[in-house]
């Protein structure tokens, strides 16, 4: 199970992920990233409460980091 919550602080959107970041949550993660990462607003991912990341989850995170530079 993965829970994504959104927090706005000082002009930045923070996406808090909690639980297991697995392939079954890929579309949910992409939706949250795309809705917050394409505008002028800065965003951050808080992975503090992520307990497990499978290969698909890691690929999403690394591809997003590589895309943003």
C-alpha atoms as a PDB file:
ATOM      1  CA  UNK A   1       0.000   0.000   0.000  1.00  0.00           C
ATOM      2  CA  UNK A   2       1.198   3.515  -0.827  1.00  0.00           C
ATOM      3  CA  UNK A   3      -0.241   6.756   0.446  1.00  0.00           C
ATOM      4  CA  UNK A   4       0.541  10.092  -1.196  1.00  0.00           C
ATOM      5  CA  UNK A   5      -0.304  13.331   0.567  1.00  0.00           C
ATOM      6  CA  UNK A   6       0.390  16.847  -0.620  1.00  0.00           C
ATOM      7  CA  UNK A   7       1.601  19.689   1.544  1.00  0.00           C
ATOM      8  CA  UNK A   8       2.197  23.282   0.472  1.00  0.00           C
ATOM      9  CA  UNK A   9       4.890  25.194   2.305  1.00  0.00           C
ATOM     10  CA  UNK A  10       6.668  28.436   1.365  1.00  0.00           C
ATOM     11  CA  UNK A  11       5.652  28.240  -2.298  1.00  0.00           C
ATOM     12  CA  UNK A  12       6.767  24.627  -2.600  1.00  0.00           C
ATOM     13  CA  UNK A  13       4.661  21.507  -2.983  1.00  0.00           C
ATOM     14  CA  UNK A  14       5.875  18.560  -0.937  1.00  0.00           C
ATOM     15  CA  UNK A  15       4.623  15.122  -1.910  1.00  0.00           C
ATOM     16  CA  UNK A  16       4.813  12.846   1.124  1.00  0.00           C
ATOM     17  CA  UNK A  17       4.987   9.177   0.185  1.00  0.00           C
ATOM     18  CA  UNK A  18       4.305   6.556   2.822  1.00  0.00           C
ATOM     19  CA  UNK A  19       4.341   2.775   2.556  1.00  0.00           C
ATOM     20  CA  UNK A  20       5.566   0.572  -0.264  1.00  0.00           C
ATOM     21  CA  UNK A  21       6.544   2.131  -3.587  1.00  0.00           C
ATOM     22  CA  UNK A  22       5.921  -0.724  -6.030  1.00  0.00           C
ATOM     23  CA  UNK A  23       4.983  -1.307  -9.647  1.00  0.00           C
ATOM     24  CA  UNK A  24       1.280  -1.441  -8.810  1.00  0.00           C
ATOM     25  CA  UNK A  25       1.474   2.234  -7.783  1.00  0.00           C
ATOM     26  CA  UNK A  26       3.342   3.503 -10.853  1.00  0.00           C
ATOM     27  CA  UNK A  27       0.364   5.278 -12.424  1.00  0.00           C
ATOM     28  CA  UNK A  28      -0.577   6.931  -9.121  1.00  0.00           C
ATOM     29  CA  UNK A  29       2.975   8.184  -8.599  1.00  0.00           C
ATOM     30  CA  UNK A  30       3.272   9.464 -12.160  1.00  0.00           C
ATOM     31  CA  UNK A  31      -0.042  11.284 -11.852  1.00  0.00           C
ATOM     32  CA  UNK A  32       1.080  13.022  -8.650  1.00  0.00           C
ATOM     33  CA  UNK A  33       4.467  13.928 -10.124  1.00  0.00           C
ATOM     34  CA  UNK A  34       3.041  15.215 -13.394  1.00  0.00           C
ATOM     35  CA  UNK A  35       0.348  17.309 -11.741  1.00  0.00           C
ATOM     36  CA  UNK A  36       2.942  18.993  -9.522  1.00  0.00           C
ATOM     37  CA  UNK A  37       6.132  18.976 -11.526  1.00  0.00           C
ATOM     38  CA  UNK A  38       5.262  20.716 -14.765  1.00  0.00           C
ATOM     39  CA  UNK A  39       4.334  24.151 -13.514  1.00  0.00           C
ATOM     40  CA  UNK A  40       6.311  27.009 -12.042  1.00  0.00           C
ATOM     41  CA  UNK A  41       5.824  25.654  -8.515  1.00  0.00           C
ATOM     42  CA  UNK A  42       8.814  23.918  -6.959  1.00  0.00           C
ATOM     43  CA  UNK A  43       8.178  20.480  -5.585  1.00  0.00           C
ATOM     44  CA  UNK A  44       9.921  17.952  -3.409  1.00  0.00           C
ATOM     45  CA  UNK A  45       9.424  14.307  -2.564  1.00  0.00           C
ATOM     46  CA  UNK A  46       9.509  13.259   1.064  1.00  0.00           C
ATOM     47  CA  UNK A  47      10.384   9.565   1.147  1.00  0.00           C
ATOM     48  CA  UNK A  48      10.937   9.401   4.908  1.00  0.00           C
ATOM     49  CA  UNK A  49       8.068   6.958   5.445  1.00  0.00           C
ATOM     50  CA  UNK A  50       8.689   4.758   2.396  1.00  0.00           C
ATOM     51  CA  UNK A  51       9.549   1.298   3.692  1.00  0.00           C
ATOM     52  CA  UNK A  52      10.194  -0.549   0.429  1.00  0.00           C
ATOM     53  CA  UNK A  53      10.948   0.389  -3.185  1.00  0.00           C
ATOM     54  CA  UNK A  54      10.890  -2.205  -5.954  1.00  0.00           C
ATOM     55  CA  UNK A  55      12.633  -1.876  -9.308  1.00  0.00           C
ATOM     56  CA  UNK A  56       9.715  -0.112 -11.037  1.00  0.00           C
ATOM     57  CA  UNK A  57       9.452   2.373  -8.181  1.00  0.00           C
ATOM     58  CA  UNK A  58      13.176   3.086  -8.324  1.00  0.00           C
ATOM     59  CA  UNK A  59      13.014   3.570 -12.087  1.00  0.00           C
ATOM     60  CA  UNK A  60      10.283   6.194 -11.693  1.00  0.00           C
ATOM     61  CA  UNK A  61      12.293   8.097  -9.112  1.00  0.00           C
ATOM     62  CA  UNK A  62      15.553   7.996 -11.051  1.00  0.00           C
ATOM     63  CA  UNK A  63      13.955   8.870 -14.385  1.00  0.00           C
ATOM     64  CA  UNK A  64      12.227  11.844 -12.759  1.00  0.00           C
ATOM     65  CA  UNK A  65      15.486  13.019 -11.198  1.00  0.00           C
ATOM     66  CA  UNK A  66      17.309  12.654 -14.493  1.00  0.00           C
ATOM     67  CA  UNK A  67      14.584  14.553 -16.324  1.00  0.00           C
ATOM     68  CA  UNK A  68      14.716  17.476 -13.917  1.00  0.00           C
ATOM     69  CA  UNK A  69      18.503  17.501 -13.853  1.00  0.00           C
END
